N, C-alpha and C. Protein backbone atom coordinates (compact mmCIF):
# COMPACT_ATOMS: atom_id res chain seq x y z
N MET A 1 93.64 82.25 107.31
CA MET A 1 92.26 82.55 107.50
C MET A 1 91.54 83.36 106.14
N VAL A 2 92.44 84.08 105.31
CA VAL A 2 91.88 84.82 103.78
C VAL A 2 91.32 83.58 103.40
N GLU A 3 91.91 82.08 103.23
CA GLU A 3 91.24 81.29 102.28
C GLU A 3 90.32 80.69 102.87
N LYS A 4 89.86 80.75 103.95
CA LYS A 4 88.51 80.19 104.54
C LYS A 4 87.60 81.06 104.40
N LEU A 5 87.62 82.58 104.18
CA LEU A 5 87.26 83.48 103.87
C LEU A 5 86.58 84.02 102.77
N LYS A 6 87.74 83.20 101.69
CA LYS A 6 87.29 83.35 100.32
C LYS A 6 86.49 81.93 100.04
N GLU A 7 86.46 81.07 100.60
CA GLU A 7 85.37 79.98 100.53
C GLU A 7 84.55 80.27 101.19
N ALA A 8 84.28 80.64 102.22
CA ALA A 8 82.74 81.07 102.75
C ALA A 8 82.17 82.33 101.66
N ILE A 9 82.95 83.20 101.13
CA ILE A 9 82.46 83.97 100.02
C ILE A 9 81.71 83.58 98.99
N MET A 10 82.61 82.49 98.21
CA MET A 10 82.21 81.88 96.70
C MET A 10 80.97 81.01 97.51
N ALA A 11 81.17 80.40 98.72
CA ALA A 11 79.67 79.60 98.64
C ALA A 11 78.79 80.21 98.79
N THR A 12 78.65 81.46 98.85
CA THR A 12 77.11 82.17 99.06
C THR A 12 76.47 82.79 97.67
N ASP A 13 75.20 82.70 97.39
CA ASP A 13 74.90 83.37 95.83
C ASP A 13 74.36 84.54 96.07
N ALA A 14 74.82 85.32 96.98
CA ALA A 14 75.01 86.72 96.60
C ALA A 14 75.88 87.49 95.88
N SER A 15 75.67 88.30 94.85
CA SER A 15 75.92 88.64 93.92
C SER A 15 76.55 90.00 94.58
N TYR A 16 76.63 90.81 95.44
CA TYR A 16 77.60 91.71 95.18
C TYR A 16 78.28 91.23 97.26
N VAL A 17 79.26 91.47 97.26
CA VAL A 17 80.58 90.97 98.37
C VAL A 17 80.01 92.90 99.02
N VAL A 18 80.11 93.28 99.57
CA VAL A 18 80.14 94.59 100.74
C VAL A 18 81.12 94.33 101.76
N LEU A 19 82.43 94.61 101.52
CA LEU A 19 83.65 95.24 102.28
C LEU A 19 83.71 96.13 103.51
N ASP A 20 83.67 95.96 104.64
CA ASP A 20 84.15 97.15 105.31
C ASP A 20 85.73 96.90 105.67
N ILE A 21 86.16 98.48 105.87
CA ILE A 21 87.63 98.28 105.59
C ILE A 21 88.55 98.26 106.78
N ASP A 22 88.40 99.15 108.22
CA ASP A 22 89.12 98.72 108.36
C ASP A 22 88.96 97.63 109.85
N GLY A 23 89.96 96.81 109.97
CA GLY A 23 90.01 95.89 111.12
C GLY A 23 89.72 94.48 110.02
N THR A 24 89.05 95.01 109.02
CA THR A 24 88.34 93.67 107.88
C THR A 24 89.44 93.48 106.77
N ILE A 25 89.68 94.78 105.78
CA ILE A 25 91.12 94.66 105.05
C ILE A 25 92.18 95.57 105.57
N LYS A 26 92.43 96.73 105.89
CA LYS A 26 93.11 96.73 106.57
C LYS A 26 93.75 96.61 108.46
N ASP A 27 95.14 96.66 108.34
CA ASP A 27 94.87 96.24 109.80
C ASP A 27 95.27 97.50 110.19
N LEU A 28 94.07 98.34 111.02
CA LEU A 28 94.10 99.91 111.56
C LEU A 28 94.98 99.61 113.03
N VAL A 29 94.80 98.42 113.71
CA VAL A 29 95.80 98.13 114.84
C VAL A 29 97.64 98.37 114.59
N LYS A 30 97.64 98.16 113.28
CA LYS A 30 99.16 98.01 113.39
C LYS A 30 99.37 99.52 112.69
N GLU A 31 98.42 100.26 112.08
CA GLU A 31 98.75 101.10 111.08
C GLU A 31 98.73 102.27 112.25
N HIS A 32 97.51 102.44 113.07
CA HIS A 32 97.55 103.30 114.61
C HIS A 32 99.09 103.11 115.25
N GLN A 33 98.94 101.84 115.66
CA GLN A 33 100.46 102.10 116.38
C GLN A 33 101.86 102.08 115.92
N THR A 34 101.88 102.48 114.38
CA THR A 34 102.93 102.58 113.86
C THR A 34 103.29 104.73 114.29
N ALA A 35 101.93 104.57 113.71
CA ALA A 35 101.77 105.99 113.88
C ALA A 35 102.30 107.09 115.14
N LEU A 36 101.32 106.30 115.99
CA LEU A 36 101.81 106.66 117.47
C LEU A 36 103.36 106.91 117.99
N GLN A 37 103.72 105.49 117.73
CA GLN A 37 104.76 105.18 118.38
C GLN A 37 105.75 105.92 117.58
N VAL A 38 105.72 106.71 116.41
CA VAL A 38 106.63 108.04 115.54
C VAL A 38 106.10 109.30 116.65
N VAL A 39 105.67 108.99 116.59
CA VAL A 39 104.92 110.85 117.26
C VAL A 39 105.22 110.87 118.66
N VAL A 40 105.09 109.72 119.54
CA VAL A 40 105.53 109.60 120.75
C VAL A 40 106.72 110.32 121.11
N ASN A 41 107.30 109.06 120.50
CA ASN A 41 108.79 108.99 120.76
C ASN A 41 109.42 110.31 120.30
N GLY A 42 109.06 110.76 119.36
CA GLY A 42 109.17 112.19 118.62
C GLY A 42 109.09 113.34 119.61
N PHE A 43 107.94 113.41 120.16
CA PHE A 43 107.41 114.44 121.14
C PHE A 43 108.38 114.84 121.81
N ASN A 44 108.20 112.89 123.12
CA ASN A 44 108.65 113.05 124.34
C ASN A 44 110.13 112.46 124.43
N ARG A 45 111.41 112.68 123.52
CA ARG A 45 112.61 112.21 124.28
C ARG A 45 112.65 112.76 125.48
N GLY A 46 113.21 111.48 126.53
CA GLY A 46 113.61 111.83 127.68
C GLY A 46 112.58 111.72 128.46
N LYS A 47 111.30 111.47 127.87
CA LYS A 47 110.10 111.39 129.21
C LYS A 47 109.82 110.06 129.31
N LYS A 48 110.53 108.95 129.46
CA LYS A 48 109.74 107.94 129.28
C LYS A 48 108.80 107.47 130.28
N LEU A 49 108.68 107.95 131.59
CA LEU A 49 107.43 107.26 132.40
C LEU A 49 105.99 107.91 131.47
N ARG A 50 106.17 109.22 130.96
CA ARG A 50 104.90 109.44 130.28
C ARG A 50 104.42 108.84 129.19
N ARG A 51 105.49 108.66 128.16
CA ARG A 51 105.78 107.78 127.64
C ARG A 51 104.91 106.15 127.35
N LYS A 52 105.70 105.72 128.25
CA LYS A 52 104.86 104.03 128.79
C LYS A 52 103.66 104.09 129.19
N PHE A 53 103.20 105.11 129.63
CA PHE A 53 101.74 105.57 130.06
C PHE A 53 101.15 105.78 128.77
N VAL A 54 101.24 106.49 128.00
CA VAL A 54 100.29 106.65 126.62
C VAL A 54 100.88 105.17 126.02
N PHE A 55 101.89 104.29 125.62
CA PHE A 55 101.29 102.73 125.28
C PHE A 55 100.84 102.23 126.54
N PHE A 56 100.73 102.37 127.41
CA PHE A 56 100.21 101.34 128.27
C PHE A 56 98.43 101.50 127.77
N LEU A 57 97.90 102.93 127.83
CA LEU A 57 96.64 103.04 127.39
C LEU A 57 95.74 102.53 126.32
N ASP A 58 97.27 103.16 125.14
CA ASP A 58 96.60 102.27 124.22
C ASP A 58 96.91 100.64 123.81
N ARG A 59 97.49 100.03 124.50
CA ARG A 59 97.49 99.10 124.70
C ARG A 59 95.75 98.63 125.13
N ILE A 60 95.16 98.81 126.08
CA ILE A 60 94.11 98.94 126.72
C ILE A 60 92.97 99.21 125.54
N ALA A 61 93.30 100.07 124.53
CA ALA A 61 92.41 100.74 123.56
C ALA A 61 92.43 99.87 122.68
N MET A 62 93.45 99.30 122.07
CA MET A 62 93.63 98.26 121.07
C MET A 62 93.02 96.78 121.27
N TRP A 63 93.01 96.61 122.47
CA TRP A 63 92.12 95.23 123.14
C TRP A 63 91.03 95.33 122.80
N PHE A 64 90.53 96.30 123.00
CA PHE A 64 89.02 96.45 122.92
C PHE A 64 88.32 96.73 121.51
N VAL A 65 89.51 97.26 120.43
CA VAL A 65 89.56 97.11 119.17
C VAL A 65 89.70 95.95 118.54
N LYS A 66 90.31 95.02 118.64
CA LYS A 66 90.90 93.54 118.64
C LYS A 66 89.79 92.39 118.86
N SER A 67 89.21 92.72 120.17
CA SER A 67 87.92 92.30 120.58
C SER A 67 86.63 92.43 119.94
N GLY A 68 86.72 93.65 119.31
CA GLY A 68 85.08 93.57 118.70
C GLY A 68 83.92 94.55 119.18
N ILE A 69 84.70 95.17 120.46
CA ILE A 69 83.64 95.76 121.43
C ILE A 69 83.68 97.28 121.00
N LEU A 70 84.85 97.92 120.55
CA LEU A 70 85.20 99.07 120.26
C LEU A 70 85.26 98.99 118.44
N SER A 71 84.97 99.69 117.56
CA SER A 71 85.10 100.01 116.14
C SER A 71 86.02 101.71 116.69
N THR A 72 86.84 101.74 115.25
CA THR A 72 87.72 102.84 115.17
C THR A 72 86.79 104.07 114.64
N ASN A 73 85.31 104.50 115.03
CA ASN A 73 85.59 105.58 113.94
C ASN A 73 86.04 106.68 114.31
N ARG A 74 86.06 108.00 113.68
CA ARG A 74 87.30 109.05 113.82
C ARG A 74 86.68 109.49 115.04
N ASP A 75 85.84 109.63 115.61
CA ASP A 75 85.19 110.33 117.02
C ASP A 75 86.11 109.58 117.80
N ARG A 76 85.93 108.04 118.21
CA ARG A 76 86.99 107.20 119.19
C ARG A 76 88.20 107.81 119.29
N GLN A 77 88.79 107.69 117.77
CA GLN A 77 89.88 107.65 117.76
C GLN A 77 90.67 109.19 117.96
N GLU A 78 89.99 109.87 117.58
CA GLU A 78 90.39 111.77 117.70
C GLU A 78 90.01 111.87 119.59
N PHE A 79 89.09 111.17 120.22
CA PHE A 79 89.15 111.19 121.65
C PHE A 79 90.53 110.63 122.60
N LEU A 80 90.93 109.09 121.43
CA LEU A 80 92.37 109.01 121.74
C LEU A 80 93.35 109.67 122.39
N LEU A 81 93.88 110.34 121.11
CA LEU A 81 94.63 111.07 120.41
C LEU A 81 94.55 112.56 121.00
N GLY A 82 93.55 112.70 121.43
CA GLY A 82 93.31 114.32 122.23
C GLY A 82 93.97 113.99 123.87
N LEU A 83 93.19 112.63 124.42
CA LEU A 83 93.97 112.03 125.89
C LEU A 83 95.26 112.09 125.80
N TYR A 84 96.14 110.90 124.68
CA TYR A 84 97.79 111.39 124.37
C TYR A 84 98.46 112.68 124.66
N ALA A 85 97.98 113.30 123.73
CA ALA A 85 98.22 114.43 123.47
C ALA A 85 98.72 114.93 125.09
N ILE A 86 97.50 115.11 125.83
CA ILE A 86 96.82 116.03 127.19
C ILE A 86 98.24 115.16 128.40
N ILE A 87 98.16 114.02 128.00
CA ILE A 87 99.40 113.34 128.96
C ILE A 87 100.86 113.54 128.80
N LEU A 88 100.90 114.12 127.71
CA LEU A 88 102.49 114.31 127.01
C LEU A 88 102.65 115.85 126.97
N GLY A 89 101.41 116.76 127.26
CA GLY A 89 101.94 117.60 127.70
C GLY A 89 102.03 118.90 126.12
N LYS A 90 101.31 118.26 125.23
CA LYS A 90 101.69 119.11 124.35
C LYS A 90 100.03 119.62 123.79
N SER A 91 100.35 120.46 122.59
CA SER A 91 98.87 120.95 121.77
C SER A 91 98.15 119.54 121.55
N ILE A 92 96.72 119.83 121.39
CA ILE A 92 96.54 118.70 121.07
C ILE A 92 96.28 118.64 119.21
N SER A 93 95.91 119.70 118.93
CA SER A 93 96.18 119.96 117.20
C SER A 93 97.27 119.55 116.98
N GLU A 94 98.67 120.27 116.98
CA GLU A 94 99.67 119.32 116.71
C GLU A 94 99.96 118.19 116.60
N PHE A 95 99.41 117.78 117.86
CA PHE A 95 99.73 115.97 118.21
C PHE A 95 98.79 115.66 116.94
N ARG A 96 97.71 115.77 116.73
CA ARG A 96 96.82 115.06 116.05
C ARG A 96 97.33 115.13 114.59
N GLU A 97 97.63 116.41 114.32
CA GLU A 97 97.94 116.86 112.98
C GLU A 97 99.97 115.92 112.52
N LEU A 98 100.21 115.84 113.42
CA LEU A 98 101.16 115.31 112.98
C LEU A 98 101.14 113.53 113.14
N TYR A 99 100.39 113.16 114.01
CA TYR A 99 99.90 111.49 113.82
C TYR A 99 99.61 111.51 112.34
N ASP A 100 98.86 111.92 111.84
CA ASP A 100 97.50 112.05 110.73
C ASP A 100 98.38 112.12 109.49
N SER A 101 99.59 112.56 109.96
CA SER A 101 100.77 112.81 108.34
C SER A 101 101.18 111.28 108.41
N PHE A 102 101.25 110.85 109.29
CA PHE A 102 102.01 109.60 109.27
C PHE A 102 101.08 108.17 109.26
N TYR A 103 99.81 108.82 109.65
CA TYR A 103 98.40 107.47 109.73
C TYR A 103 98.11 107.27 108.27
N ASN A 104 98.02 108.61 107.57
CA ASN A 104 97.11 108.55 106.35
C ASN A 104 98.38 108.15 104.90
N ASP A 105 99.20 108.26 105.44
CA ASP A 105 100.63 107.91 104.23
C ASP A 105 100.69 106.52 104.60
N LYS A 106 99.90 105.70 105.33
CA LYS A 106 100.73 104.25 105.46
C LYS A 106 99.02 103.52 105.59
N VAL A 107 98.97 102.40 104.82
CA VAL A 107 98.23 101.83 104.33
C VAL A 107 98.99 99.90 104.63
N ILE A 108 98.27 99.22 105.49
CA ILE A 108 98.65 97.99 105.85
C ILE A 108 97.73 97.22 106.25
N THR A 109 97.47 96.33 104.97
CA THR A 109 96.63 95.36 104.52
C THR A 109 96.94 93.81 105.41
N PHE A 110 96.05 93.30 105.71
CA PHE A 110 95.90 91.90 106.12
C PHE A 110 96.76 91.32 105.00
N LYS A 111 97.74 90.05 105.30
CA LYS A 111 98.14 89.31 104.65
C LYS A 111 96.77 88.58 103.76
N GLY A 112 97.15 88.68 102.34
CA GLY A 112 96.68 88.02 101.46
C GLY A 112 94.89 88.39 100.94
N VAL A 113 95.05 89.87 101.72
CA VAL A 113 93.51 90.84 100.84
C VAL A 113 93.46 90.72 99.87
N ARG A 114 94.64 91.64 99.56
CA ARG A 114 94.82 91.74 98.14
C ARG A 114 94.45 90.95 96.64
N GLU A 115 94.78 89.47 97.18
CA GLU A 115 94.73 88.32 96.31
C GLU A 115 93.13 87.87 96.58
N LEU A 116 92.27 87.96 97.72
CA LEU A 116 91.12 87.50 98.10
C LEU A 116 90.22 88.72 97.14
N ILE A 117 90.52 89.87 97.22
CA ILE A 117 89.59 90.95 96.30
C ILE A 117 89.60 90.46 95.00
N GLU A 118 91.12 90.22 94.39
CA GLU A 118 91.26 90.12 93.15
C GLU A 118 90.42 88.73 93.09
N GLU A 119 90.32 87.67 93.75
CA GLU A 119 89.91 86.43 93.23
C GLU A 119 88.10 86.26 93.54
N VAL A 120 87.41 86.86 94.08
CA VAL A 120 86.37 87.29 94.34
C VAL A 120 85.80 87.78 93.56
N GLY A 121 86.73 88.94 93.36
CA GLY A 121 86.17 90.13 91.54
C GLY A 121 86.14 89.47 90.95
N LYS A 122 86.15 88.38 90.24
CA LYS A 122 86.65 87.71 89.03
C LYS A 122 84.91 87.03 89.43
N THR A 123 83.88 86.77 89.71
CA THR A 123 83.10 86.34 90.15
C THR A 123 81.52 86.90 90.55
N LYS A 124 82.16 88.03 91.30
CA LYS A 124 81.06 88.75 92.46
C LYS A 124 81.53 90.40 92.08
N LYS A 125 80.71 90.73 91.77
CA LYS A 125 80.89 92.73 92.24
C LYS A 125 81.06 92.66 93.60
N VAL A 126 82.39 93.19 93.93
CA VAL A 126 82.97 93.94 95.22
C VAL A 126 83.09 95.56 95.91
N CYS A 127 82.56 95.86 96.50
CA CYS A 127 82.57 96.68 96.71
C CYS A 127 82.82 97.13 98.31
N PHE A 128 82.71 98.47 98.80
CA PHE A 128 83.45 98.78 100.03
C PHE A 128 82.54 99.81 101.16
N VAL A 129 82.65 99.75 102.16
CA VAL A 129 81.80 101.09 102.62
C VAL A 129 82.36 101.43 103.88
N THR A 130 82.59 102.09 104.28
CA THR A 130 83.13 103.19 105.25
C THR A 130 82.31 104.32 105.96
N ILE A 131 82.31 104.82 106.92
CA ILE A 131 81.42 105.92 107.56
C ILE A 131 82.59 107.03 108.02
N ASN A 132 84.31 106.79 107.26
CA ASN A 132 85.14 107.34 107.67
C ASN A 132 85.56 107.75 106.16
N SER A 133 85.42 109.38 105.87
CA SER A 133 85.94 109.57 104.49
C SER A 133 87.24 109.21 104.18
N GLN A 134 87.98 109.49 104.83
CA GLN A 134 89.57 109.25 105.02
C GLN A 134 90.13 107.83 104.39
N ASN A 135 89.20 107.25 104.46
CA ASN A 135 89.46 105.76 104.07
C ASN A 135 89.68 105.82 102.84
N TYR A 136 89.72 106.95 101.86
CA TYR A 136 89.71 106.90 100.56
C TYR A 136 91.18 106.64 100.64
N ASN A 137 92.41 106.85 101.49
CA ASN A 137 93.16 106.15 101.25
C ASN A 137 93.77 104.86 100.56
N ILE A 138 92.59 104.14 100.53
CA ILE A 138 92.62 102.60 100.18
C ILE A 138 93.03 102.46 98.77
N LYS A 139 92.67 103.85 98.39
CA LYS A 139 93.10 103.83 96.64
C LYS A 139 94.58 103.39 95.95
N LYS A 140 95.35 103.57 96.96
CA LYS A 140 96.85 103.17 97.22
C LYS A 140 96.71 101.14 96.99
N LEU A 141 95.52 101.06 97.31
CA LEU A 141 95.50 99.38 96.73
C LEU A 141 95.40 99.29 95.47
N GLY A 142 94.78 100.11 94.86
CA GLY A 142 94.39 100.07 93.54
C GLY A 142 92.86 99.67 93.03
N ILE A 143 92.06 100.35 94.44
CA ILE A 143 90.88 100.12 94.25
C ILE A 143 89.96 101.56 94.14
N LYS A 144 88.99 101.44 93.01
CA LYS A 144 88.46 102.29 92.73
C LYS A 144 87.83 103.09 93.68
N LYS A 145 87.85 104.58 93.37
CA LYS A 145 87.52 105.46 94.30
C LYS A 145 85.31 104.86 94.13
N GLU A 146 85.34 104.75 92.71
CA GLU A 146 83.62 104.84 92.94
C GLU A 146 82.97 103.43 93.56
N ASP A 147 84.45 102.44 93.55
CA ASP A 147 83.62 101.36 94.59
C ASP A 147 83.22 101.58 96.10
N ILE A 148 83.92 102.64 96.31
CA ILE A 148 83.94 103.06 97.93
C ILE A 148 82.41 103.92 98.23
N TYR A 149 81.51 103.12 98.88
CA TYR A 149 80.67 103.93 99.61
C TYR A 149 80.59 104.72 101.05
N CYS A 150 80.73 105.95 101.23
CA CYS A 150 80.94 106.64 102.09
C CYS A 150 79.81 107.43 102.59
N VAL A 151 79.70 107.21 103.37
CA VAL A 151 78.10 108.41 104.23
C VAL A 151 79.00 108.72 105.35
N LYS A 152 77.89 109.59 105.50
CA LYS A 152 78.54 110.82 106.75
C LYS A 152 77.50 110.43 107.62
N SER A 153 77.66 109.37 108.55
CA SER A 153 76.75 109.00 109.58
C SER A 153 77.71 108.33 110.04
N LYS A 154 77.25 108.07 111.82
CA LYS A 154 78.07 107.04 112.58
C LYS A 154 77.60 105.99 112.57
N LYS A 155 76.77 105.62 111.81
CA LYS A 155 75.71 104.17 111.68
C LYS A 155 75.91 103.62 109.92
N LYS A 156 76.19 102.43 110.28
CA LYS A 156 76.82 101.62 108.78
C LYS A 156 75.95 101.44 108.17
N ILE A 157 74.62 101.38 108.91
CA ILE A 157 73.48 100.50 108.18
C ILE A 157 73.22 101.61 106.86
N TYR A 158 73.51 102.76 107.36
CA TYR A 158 73.01 103.65 106.02
C TYR A 158 74.00 103.58 105.02
N ALA A 159 75.37 103.44 104.83
CA ALA A 159 75.85 103.26 103.90
C ALA A 159 75.39 101.92 103.64
N TYR A 160 75.06 100.45 103.56
CA TYR A 160 74.59 99.28 103.17
C TYR A 160 73.17 99.70 102.31
N LYS A 161 72.65 100.67 102.76
CA LYS A 161 71.10 101.33 102.55
C LYS A 161 71.68 101.77 101.18
N THR A 162 72.71 102.89 101.17
CA THR A 162 72.81 102.94 100.05
C THR A 162 73.36 102.22 98.74
N VAL A 163 74.39 101.60 99.26
CA VAL A 163 74.78 100.29 97.94
C VAL A 163 73.22 99.58 97.38
N MET A 164 72.10 99.57 98.12
CA MET A 164 71.55 98.81 97.96
C MET A 164 70.37 99.86 96.44
N MET A 165 70.21 100.90 97.21
CA MET A 165 69.72 102.14 96.72
C MET A 165 70.60 102.60 95.11
N MET A 166 71.67 102.60 95.09
CA MET A 166 71.99 102.69 94.01
C MET A 166 72.59 101.78 93.17
N ASN A 167 72.27 100.67 93.38
CA ASN A 167 72.17 99.33 92.61
C ASN A 167 71.16 98.98 92.49
N ASP A 168 70.47 98.90 92.85
CA ASP A 168 68.85 98.49 92.60
C ASP A 168 68.52 97.03 92.98
N LEU A 169 68.94 96.90 94.36
CA LEU A 169 69.86 95.44 95.13
C LEU A 169 68.59 95.47 96.29
N ASP A 170 68.37 93.71 96.32
CA ASP A 170 67.57 93.21 97.48
C ASP A 170 68.33 93.09 98.68
N PRO A 171 67.71 92.66 99.62
CA PRO A 171 69.13 92.78 100.77
C PRO A 171 69.61 91.43 100.34
N GLU A 172 68.75 90.39 100.58
CA GLU A 172 69.63 88.84 100.14
C GLU A 172 70.44 88.86 99.10
N GLU A 173 70.41 89.69 97.99
CA GLU A 173 71.63 89.65 97.14
C GLU A 173 72.87 90.15 97.63
N ILE A 174 73.06 90.89 98.83
CA ILE A 174 74.65 91.21 99.35
C ILE A 174 75.12 90.56 100.46
N LEU A 175 76.08 90.54 100.59
CA LEU A 175 76.67 89.90 101.45
C LEU A 175 77.36 90.86 102.00
N VAL A 176 77.73 91.09 103.36
CA VAL A 176 78.23 91.90 104.44
C VAL A 176 79.23 91.28 105.04
N VAL A 177 80.82 92.01 104.76
CA VAL A 177 81.42 90.85 105.73
C VAL A 177 82.28 92.22 106.46
N GLY A 178 82.41 91.63 107.34
CA GLY A 178 82.78 92.83 108.15
C GLY A 178 83.57 92.17 109.50
N ASP A 179 84.12 93.26 110.55
CA ASP A 179 85.00 92.63 111.50
C ASP A 179 84.40 93.08 113.06
N ASN A 180 83.17 93.52 113.02
CA ASN A 180 82.66 94.23 114.01
C ASN A 180 81.36 93.86 114.46
N ILE A 181 80.91 93.07 115.04
CA ILE A 181 79.46 92.49 115.66
C ILE A 181 78.35 93.88 115.66
N PHE A 182 78.98 94.62 116.55
CA PHE A 182 77.60 95.66 116.64
C PHE A 182 77.67 96.64 115.37
N ASP A 183 78.65 97.08 114.81
CA ASP A 183 78.91 97.88 114.02
C ASP A 183 78.77 97.70 112.38
N ASP A 184 78.98 96.25 112.18
CA ASP A 184 79.10 96.05 110.90
C ASP A 184 77.67 94.97 110.45
N ILE A 185 78.15 93.93 111.59
CA ILE A 185 77.03 92.59 111.79
C ILE A 185 75.77 92.61 111.96
N ARG A 186 75.31 93.67 112.86
CA ARG A 186 74.23 93.60 113.31
C ARG A 186 73.00 94.41 112.70
N PRO A 187 73.61 95.46 112.08
CA PRO A 187 73.01 96.33 110.82
C PRO A 187 72.53 95.60 109.49
N ALA A 188 73.50 94.72 108.91
CA ALA A 188 73.29 93.69 108.07
C ALA A 188 72.10 92.84 108.07
N LYS A 189 72.23 92.31 109.44
CA LYS A 189 71.58 91.13 109.94
C LYS A 189 69.93 91.95 110.01
N LYS A 190 70.13 93.41 110.65
CA LYS A 190 68.57 94.15 110.74
C LYS A 190 67.94 93.92 109.65
N LEU A 191 69.10 94.32 108.39
CA LEU A 191 68.43 94.86 106.98
C LEU A 191 67.57 93.59 106.15
N GLY A 192 67.84 92.29 106.73
CA GLY A 192 67.79 90.98 106.15
C GLY A 192 69.03 90.65 104.90
N CYS A 193 70.35 90.60 105.30
CA CYS A 193 71.58 90.99 104.15
C CYS A 193 72.62 90.09 105.02
N LYS A 194 72.98 88.77 103.79
CA LYS A 194 73.87 87.92 104.33
C LYS A 194 74.93 88.50 105.08
N TYR A 195 75.61 88.00 106.24
CA TYR A 195 76.81 88.37 106.63
C TYR A 195 77.85 87.22 106.97
N LEU A 196 79.11 88.00 107.54
CA LEU A 196 80.06 87.02 107.44
C LEU A 196 80.97 87.88 108.48
N LEU A 197 81.58 87.62 109.60
CA LEU A 197 81.77 88.02 110.29
C LEU A 197 83.00 87.69 111.19
N VAL A 198 84.23 88.46 110.30
CA VAL A 198 85.74 87.80 110.29
C VAL A 198 86.67 88.32 111.80
N ASP A 199 87.80 87.54 111.99
CA ASP A 199 88.34 87.78 113.18
C ASP A 199 89.94 87.94 113.01
N ASN A 200 90.23 88.83 112.33
CA ASN A 200 91.72 88.58 111.99
C ASN A 200 92.65 88.62 113.18
N TYR A 201 92.04 89.14 114.03
CA TYR A 201 92.97 89.29 115.22
C TYR A 201 93.12 88.47 116.08
N LYS A 202 92.49 87.20 115.59
CA LYS A 202 91.84 86.23 116.21
C LYS A 202 91.73 85.86 117.86
N SER A 203 90.56 87.01 117.93
CA SER A 203 90.13 87.23 119.65
C SER A 203 89.42 86.22 120.19
N LYS A 204 89.68 85.50 121.49
CA LYS A 204 88.85 84.34 122.61
C LYS A 204 87.42 85.20 122.33
N PHE A 205 87.77 86.38 123.13
CA PHE A 205 86.61 87.28 124.01
C PHE A 205 85.38 87.35 122.61
N LYS A 206 86.42 87.58 121.17
CA LYS A 206 84.96 88.12 120.47
C LYS A 206 84.14 86.92 119.52
N ARG A 207 85.14 85.80 119.69
CA ARG A 207 84.22 84.59 119.61
C ARG A 207 83.48 84.06 120.53
N PHE A 208 83.76 84.61 121.70
CA PHE A 208 82.63 84.33 122.61
C PHE A 208 81.31 85.25 122.39
N ILE A 209 82.02 86.82 122.36
CA ILE A 209 80.50 87.57 121.92
C ILE A 209 79.48 87.25 120.67
N ALA A 210 80.16 86.83 119.48
CA ALA A 210 79.84 86.19 118.60
C ALA A 210 78.78 85.03 118.79
N LYS A 211 79.09 84.06 119.64
CA LYS A 211 77.74 83.03 120.01
C LYS A 211 76.92 83.69 121.18
N LEU A 212 77.55 84.81 122.08
CA LEU A 212 76.08 85.09 122.49
C LEU A 212 75.27 85.70 122.08
N PHE A 213 75.72 86.77 120.93
CA PHE A 213 74.65 87.48 120.06
C PHE A 213 74.31 86.64 118.72
N LYS A 214 74.74 85.46 119.09
CA LYS A 214 74.01 84.27 117.86
C LYS A 214 74.95 84.73 116.18
N VAL A 215 76.21 85.21 116.33
CA VAL A 215 76.53 85.41 115.19
C VAL A 215 77.70 84.49 114.40
N GLY A 216 77.84 83.79 113.56
CA GLY A 216 78.58 82.84 113.20
C GLY A 216 79.71 83.28 112.17
N MET A 217 80.60 83.24 112.55
CA MET A 217 82.23 83.35 112.47
C MET A 217 82.54 82.82 111.16
């Protein structure tokens, strides 16, 4: 998957490669599920039914993420964590605080991503966009903070505009790489940027949606 992505990126004449973070670089499903399992098991020893119910709901939620229907911006994540806390009968703030202490301390990347960034960076400028400031923990990957463009907005389109404005770029000079059709790719298409949709979770449903919206992968 990563090798094909590298070939596709290198084949474009875009001088800037703008990478989404969650689901494109970071395996947010694995990060989330690891943190949730630690917290739920710690809170809920001996209460198997409630614990199983939380994990059942989480599997449903993560299917929507893998399929590209849901992005995992902070608002949606906060809603889910609040729901899980209520089911377990715990303080929402206590649950979220403990969850964050595990989640933010762990960065799990997809296999080969670090090498991809290094290789592409030899010939093109690579930068990263996010609407979630907590993603600054990717500095653990050796990524410079000045290469991350973060905007306080629920729409990724403003992050793309920031990249263009800060670097005096035209849309066709940018290649946007993301995993979510609605949050990452459609805004890039609207601006006239080049784009690549990746499917790190190998979702058949996502491929169907991509064909429906005429977005190549």
